[in-house]
C-alpha cells in the first residue's frame, strides 16, 4: 500500500501543536516544489492530494 502524503510528511516533520493546517500545507507544498525544482518527479496522486487539501482549506475559510 502506498503511504499518503500526510503519512510521508508525518514521518519527516516533528509535529508541533501550534501548527495550523495552513502551516502544514505550506510546508508540504514547499517540500513538493523542492522535489520538482531538483528534477525529481512527483506522483500525480501526491499532487492531487495536496491540491485537494488546499481547496478544502480554502472552502473552509470562505474565500
PDB file of N, CA and C in Angstrom:
ATOM      1  N   UNK A   1       0.839  -1.188   0.000  1.00  0.00           N
ATOM      2  CA  UNK A   1       0.000   0.000   0.000  1.00  0.00           C
ATOM      3  C   UNK A   1       0.886   1.255   0.000  1.00  0.00           C
ATOM      4  N   UNK A   2       0.573   2.194  -0.838  1.00  0.00           N
ATOM      5  CA  UNK A   2       1.329   3.434  -0.934  1.00  0.00           C
ATOM      6  C   UNK A   2       0.928   4.381   0.195  1.00  0.00           C
ATOM      7  N   UNK A   3       1.909   4.922   0.929  1.00  0.00           N
ATOM      8  CA  UNK A   3       1.568   5.853   2.005  1.00  0.00           C
ATOM      9  C   UNK A   3       1.008   7.161   1.440  1.00  0.00           C
ATOM     10  N   UNK A   4       0.137   7.777   2.211  1.00  0.00           N
ATOM     11  CA  UNK A   4      -0.441   9.050   1.792  1.00  0.00           C
ATOM     12  C   UNK A   4       0.571  10.169   2.015  1.00  0.00           C
ATOM     13  N   UNK A   5       0.296  11.308   1.430  1.00  0.00           N
ATOM     14  CA  UNK A   5       1.156  12.476   1.604  1.00  0.00           C
ATOM     15  C   UNK A   5       1.271  12.814   3.093  1.00  0.00           C
ATOM     16  N   UNK A   6       0.166  12.733   3.806  1.00  0.00           N
ATOM     17  CA  UNK A   6       0.160  13.039   5.239  1.00  0.00           C
ATOM     18  C   UNK A   6       1.081  12.085   6.010  1.00  0.00           C
ATOM     19  N   UNK A   7       1.036  10.803   5.690  1.00  0.00           N
ATOM     20  CA  UNK A   7       1.876   9.826   6.374  1.00  0.00           C
ATOM     21  C   UNK A   7       3.355  10.086   6.080  1.00  0.00           C
ATOM     22  N   UNK A   8       3.668  10.382   4.826  1.00  0.00           N
ATOM     23  CA  UNK A   8       5.053  10.687   4.460  1.00  0.00           C
ATOM     24  C   UNK A   8       5.533  11.944   5.181  1.00  0.00           C
ATOM     25  N   UNK A   9       4.679  12.959   5.225  1.00  0.00           N
ATOM     26  CA  UNK A   9       5.018  14.219   5.887  1.00  0.00           C
ATOM     27  C   UNK A   9       5.261  13.983   7.377  1.00  0.00           C
ATOM     28  N   UNK A  10       4.359  13.218   8.006  1.00  0.00           N
ATOM     29  CA  UNK A  10       4.460  12.972   9.438  1.00  0.00           C
ATOM     30  C   UNK A  10       5.727  12.221   9.809  1.00  0.00           C
ATOM     31  N   UNK A  11       6.250  11.388   8.905  1.00  0.00           N
ATOM     32  CA  UNK A  11       7.489  10.665   9.179  1.00  0.00           C
ATOM     33  C   UNK A  11       8.683  11.608   9.198  1.00  0.00           C
ATOM     34  N   UNK A  12       8.597  12.717   8.487  1.00  0.00           N
ATOM     35  CA  UNK A  12       9.757  13.585   8.307  1.00  0.00           C
ATOM     36  C   UNK A  12       9.730  14.867   9.151  1.00  0.00           C
ATOM     37  N   UNK A  13       8.569  15.273   9.563  1.00  0.00           N
ATOM     38  CA  UNK A  13       8.427  16.548  10.266  1.00  0.00           C
ATOM     39  C   UNK A  13       7.911  16.289  11.684  1.00  0.00           C
ATOM     40  N   UNK A  14       8.551  16.891  12.660  1.00  0.00           N
ATOM     41  CA  UNK A  14       8.072  16.774  14.039  1.00  0.00           C
ATOM     42  C   UNK A  14       6.790  17.585  14.155  1.00  0.00           C
ATOM     43  N   UNK A  15       5.777  16.962  14.706  1.00  0.00           N
ATOM     44  CA  UNK A  15       4.500  17.670  14.866  1.00  0.00           C
ATOM     45  C   UNK A  15       4.603  18.671  16.021  1.00  0.00           C
ATOM     46  N   UNK A  16       4.215  19.882  15.758  1.00  0.00           N
ATOM     47  CA  UNK A  16       4.147  20.903  16.787  1.00  0.00           C
ATOM     48  C   UNK A  16       2.683  21.292  16.947  1.00  0.00           C
ATOM     49  N   UNK A  17       2.180  21.297  18.166  1.00  0.00           N
ATOM     50  CA  UNK A  17       0.752  21.543  18.360  1.00  0.00           C
ATOM     51  C   UNK A  17       0.290  22.914  17.869  1.00  0.00           C
ATOM     52  N   UNK A  18       1.198  23.882  17.818  1.00  0.00           N
ATOM     53  CA  UNK A  18       0.779  25.223  17.409  1.00  0.00           C
ATOM     54  C   UNK A  18       0.680  25.388  15.882  1.00  0.00           C
ATOM     55  N   UNK A  19       1.084  24.374  15.120  1.00  0.00           N
ATOM     56  CA  UNK A  19       0.979  24.464  13.670  1.00  0.00           C
ATOM     57  C   UNK A  19      -0.479  24.321  13.238  1.00  0.00           C
ATOM     58  N   UNK A  20      -0.886  25.199  12.353  1.00  0.00           N
ATOM     59  CA  UNK A  20      -2.236  25.117  11.801  1.00  0.00           C
ATOM     60  C   UNK A  20      -2.213  24.236  10.557  1.00  0.00           C
ATOM     61  N   UNK A  21      -3.374  23.889  10.062  1.00  0.00           N
ATOM     62  CA  UNK A  21      -3.450  23.105   8.822  1.00  0.00           C
ATOM     63  C   UNK A  21      -2.795  23.879   7.686  1.00  0.00           C
ATOM     64  N   UNK A  22      -2.970  25.192   7.660  1.00  0.00           N
ATOM     65  CA  UNK A  22      -2.340  26.019   6.626  1.00  0.00           C
ATOM     66  C   UNK A  22      -0.819  25.926   6.728  1.00  0.00           C
ATOM     67  N   UNK A  23      -0.281  25.984   7.934  1.00  0.00           N
ATOM     68  CA  UNK A  23       1.171  25.850   8.130  1.00  0.00           C
ATOM     69  C   UNK A  23       1.662  24.518   7.583  1.00  0.00           C
ATOM     70  N   UNK A  24       0.944  23.446   7.891  1.00  0.00           N
ATOM     71  CA  UNK A  24       1.325  22.111   7.437  1.00  0.00           C
ATOM     72  C   UNK A  24       1.270  22.019   5.915  1.00  0.00           C
ATOM     73  N   UNK A  25       0.225  22.580   5.319  1.00  0.00           N
ATOM     74  CA  UNK A  25       0.099  22.545   3.855  1.00  0.00           C
ATOM     75  C   UNK A  25       1.197  23.370   3.191  1.00  0.00           C
ATOM     76  N   UNK A  26       1.529  24.509   3.775  1.00  0.00           N
ATOM     77  CA  UNK A  26       2.610  25.322   3.217  1.00  0.00           C
ATOM     78  C   UNK A  26       3.927  24.559   3.253  1.00  0.00           C
ATOM     79  N   UNK A  27       4.207  23.886   4.363  1.00  0.00           N
ATOM     80  CA  UNK A  27       5.450  23.108   4.473  1.00  0.00           C
ATOM     81  C   UNK A  27       5.474  21.970   3.455  1.00  0.00           C
ATOM     82  N   UNK A  28       4.349  21.269   3.313  1.00  0.00           N
ATOM     83  CA  UNK A  28       4.287  20.168   2.347  1.00  0.00           C
ATOM     84  C   UNK A  28       4.435  20.694   0.925  1.00  0.00           C
ATOM     85  N   UNK A  29       3.822  21.847   0.636  1.00  0.00           N
ATOM     86  CA  UNK A  29       3.917  22.430  -0.697  1.00  0.00           C
ATOM     87  C   UNK A  29       5.354  22.807  -1.034  1.00  0.00           C
ATOM     88  N   UNK A  30       6.040  23.391  -0.072  1.00  0.00           N
ATOM     89  CA  UNK A  30       7.440  23.767  -0.279  1.00  0.00           C
ATOM     90  C   UNK A  30       8.287  22.524  -0.531  1.00  0.00           C
ATOM     91  N   UNK A  31       8.007  21.453   0.228  1.00  0.00           N
ATOM     92  CA  UNK A  31       8.760  20.204   0.042  1.00  0.00           C
ATOM     93  C   UNK A  31       8.528  19.628  -1.354  1.00  0.00           C
ATOM     94  N   UNK A  32       7.283  19.626  -1.799  1.00  0.00           N
ATOM     95  CA  UNK A  32       6.958  19.089  -3.130  1.00  0.00           C
ATOM     96  C   UNK A  32       7.593  19.955  -4.214  1.00  0.00           C
ATOM     97  N   UNK A  33       7.523  21.269  -4.065  1.00  0.00           N
ATOM     98  CA  UNK A  33       8.151  22.155  -5.047  1.00  0.00           C
ATOM     99  C   UNK A  33       9.661  21.944  -5.084  1.00  0.00           C
ATOM    100  N   UNK A  34      10.266  21.717  -3.919  1.00  0.00           N
ATOM    101  CA  UNK A  34      11.701  21.438  -3.867  1.00  0.00           C
ATOM    102  C   UNK A  34      12.060  20.193  -4.661  1.00  0.00           C
ATOM    103  N   UNK A  35      11.217  19.163  -4.560  1.00  0.00           N
ATOM    104  CA  UNK A  35      11.448  17.940  -5.330  1.00  0.00           C
ATOM    105  C   UNK A  35      11.366  18.225  -6.823  1.00  0.00           C
ATOM    106  N   UNK A  36      10.362  18.984  -7.221  1.00  0.00           N
ATOM    107  CA  UNK A  36      10.171  19.296  -8.637  1.00  0.00           C
ATOM    108  C   UNK A  36      11.352  20.108  -9.173  1.00  0.00           C
ATOM    109  N   UNK A  37      11.750  21.140  -8.425  1.00  0.00           N
ATOM    110  CA  UNK A  37      12.855  22.005  -8.854  1.00  0.00           C
ATOM    111  C   UNK A  37      14.159  21.218  -8.952  1.00  0.00           C
ATOM    112  N   UNK A  38      14.341  20.238  -8.077  1.00  0.00           N
ATOM    113  CA  UNK A  38      15.574  19.456  -8.108  1.00  0.00           C
ATOM    114  C   UNK A  38      15.568  18.390  -9.207  1.00  0.00           C
ATOM    115  N   UNK A  39      14.491  18.350  -9.981  1.00  0.00           N
ATOM    116  CA  UNK A  39      14.436  17.436 -11.107  1.00  0.00           C
ATOM    117  C   UNK A  39      13.775  16.104 -10.829  1.00  0.00           C
ATOM    118  N   UNK A  40      13.262  15.934  -9.628  1.00  0.00           N
ATOM    119  CA  UNK A  40      12.593  14.677  -9.303  1.00  0.00           C
ATOM    120  C   UNK A  40      11.130  14.742  -9.742  1.00  0.00           C
ATOM    121  N   UNK A  41      10.598  13.589 -10.038  1.00  0.00           N
ATOM    122  CA  UNK A  41       9.195  13.524 -10.416  1.00  0.00           C
ATOM    123  C   UNK A  41       8.343  13.362  -9.167  1.00  0.00           C
ATOM    124  N   UNK A  42       7.150  13.937  -9.216  1.00  0.00           N
ATOM    125  CA  UNK A  42       6.190  13.808  -8.129  1.00  0.00           C
ATOM    126  C   UNK A  42       4.985  13.058  -8.682  1.00  0.00           C
ATOM    127  N   UNK A  43       4.580  12.020  -7.965  1.00  0.00           N
ATOM    128  CA  UNK A  43       3.441  11.237  -8.430  1.00  0.00           C
ATOM    129  C   UNK A  43       2.198  12.104  -8.530  1.00  0.00           C
ATOM    130  N   UNK A  44       1.407  11.834  -9.546  1.00  0.00           N
ATOM    131  CA  UNK A  44       0.178  12.584  -9.788  1.00  0.00           C
ATOM    132  C   UNK A  44      -0.732  12.547  -8.563  1.00  0.00           C
ATOM    133  N   UNK A  45      -0.792  11.397  -7.894  1.00  0.00           N
ATOM    134  CA  UNK A  45      -1.652  11.247  -6.721  1.00  0.00           C
ATOM    135  C   UNK A  45      -1.240  12.201  -5.598  1.00  0.00           C
ATOM    136  N   UNK A  46       0.071  12.390  -5.445  1.00  0.00           N
ATOM    137  CA  UNK A  46       0.575  13.284  -4.405  1.00  0.00           C
ATOM    138  C   UNK A  46       0.156  14.718  -4.710  1.00  0.00           C
ATOM    139  N   UNK A  47       0.340  15.128  -5.947  1.00  0.00           N
ATOM    140  CA  UNK A  47      -0.033  16.487  -6.341  1.00  0.00           C
ATOM    141  C   UNK A  47      -1.541  16.703  -6.196  1.00  0.00           C
ATOM    142  N   UNK A  48      -2.329  15.711  -6.585  1.00  0.00           N
ATOM    143  CA  UNK A  48      -3.785  15.832  -6.478  1.00  0.00           C
ATOM    144  C   UNK A  48      -4.228  15.909  -5.019  1.00  0.00           C
ATOM    145  N   UNK A  49      -3.607  15.112  -4.162  1.00  0.00           N
ATOM    146  CA  UNK A  49      -3.961  15.138  -2.741  1.00  0.00           C
ATOM    147  C   UNK A  49      -3.641  16.502  -2.132  1.00  0.00           C
ATOM    148  N   UNK A  50      -2.472  17.028  -2.453  1.00  0.00           N
ATOM    149  CA  UNK A  50      -2.080  18.326  -1.925  1.00  0.00           C
ATOM    150  C   UNK A  50      -3.019  19.423  -2.423  1.00  0.00           C
ATOM    151  N   UNK A  51      -3.330  19.401  -3.707  1.00  0.00           N
ATOM    152  CA  UNK A  51      -4.255  20.383  -4.263  1.00  0.00           C
ATOM    153  C   UNK A  51      -5.632  20.271  -3.609  1.00  0.00           C
ATOM    154  N   UNK A  52      -6.107  19.047  -3.419  1.00  0.00           N
ATOM    155  CA  UNK A  52      -7.406  18.840  -2.784  1.00  0.00           C
ATOM    156  C   UNK A  52      -7.452  19.378  -1.368  1.00  0.00           C
ATOM    157  N   UNK A  53      -6.353  19.203  -0.645  1.00  0.00           N
ATOM    158  CA  UNK A  53      -6.310  19.723   0.722  1.00  0.00           C
ATOM    159  C   UNK A  53      -6.305  21.242   0.749  1.00  0.00           C
ATOM    160  N   UNK A  54      -5.626  21.887  -0.234  1.00  0.00           N
ATOM    161  CA  UNK A  54      -5.660  23.348  -0.322  1.00  0.00           C
ATOM    162  C   UNK A  54      -7.075  23.822  -0.646  1.00  0.00           C
ATOM    163  N   UNK A  55      -7.734  23.126  -1.578  1.00  0.00           N
ATOM    164  CA  UNK A  55      -9.099  23.511  -1.946  1.00  0.00           C
ATOM    165  C   UNK A  55     -10.043  23.354  -0.764  1.00  0.00           C
ATOM    166  N   UNK A  56      -9.875  22.288   0.004  1.00  0.00           N
ATOM    167  CA  UNK A  56     -10.709  22.056   1.188  1.00  0.00           C
ATOM    168  C   UNK A  56     -10.487  23.169   2.207  1.00  0.00           C
ATOM    169  N   UNK A  57      -9.216  23.537   2.427  1.00  0.00           N
ATOM    170  CA  UNK A  57      -8.895  24.607   3.366  1.00  0.00           C
ATOM    171  C   UNK A  57      -9.497  25.930   2.888  1.00  0.00           C
ATOM    172  N   UNK A  58      -9.353  26.204   1.606  1.00  0.00           N
ATOM    173  CA  UNK A  58      -9.887  27.439   1.044  1.00  0.00           C
ATOM    174  C   UNK A  58     -11.409  27.484   1.206  1.00  0.00           C
ATOM    175  N   UNK A  59     -12.072  26.364   0.954  1.00  0.00           N
ATOM    176  CA  UNK A  59     -13.522  26.295   1.107  1.00  0.00           C
ATOM    177  C   UNK A  59     -13.960  26.527   2.538  1.00  0.00           C
ATOM    178  N   UNK A  60     -13.168  26.063   3.495  1.00  0.00           N
ATOM    179  CA  UNK A  60     -13.482  26.239   4.914  1.00  0.00           C
ATOM    180  C   UNK A  60     -13.307  27.655   5.385  1.00  0.00           C
ATOM    181  N   UNK A  61     -12.503  28.426   4.680  1.00  0.00           N
ATOM    182  CA  UNK A  61     -12.257  29.818   5.054  1.00  0.00           C
ATOM    183  C   UNK A  61     -13.245  30.766   4.405  1.00  0.00           C
ATOM    184  N   UNK A  62     -14.020  30.270   3.458  1.00  0.00           N
ATOM    185  CA  UNK A  62     -14.992  31.117   2.782  1.00  0.00           C
ATOM    186  C   UNK A  62     -14.384  32.083   1.805  1.00  0.00           C
ATOM    187  N   UNK A  63     -13.194  31.754   1.300  1.00  0.00           N
ATOM    188  CA  UNK A  63     -12.547  32.649   0.329  1.00  0.00           C
ATOM    189  C   UNK A  63     -13.111  32.446  -1.055  1.00  0.00           C
TER     190      UNK A  63
END
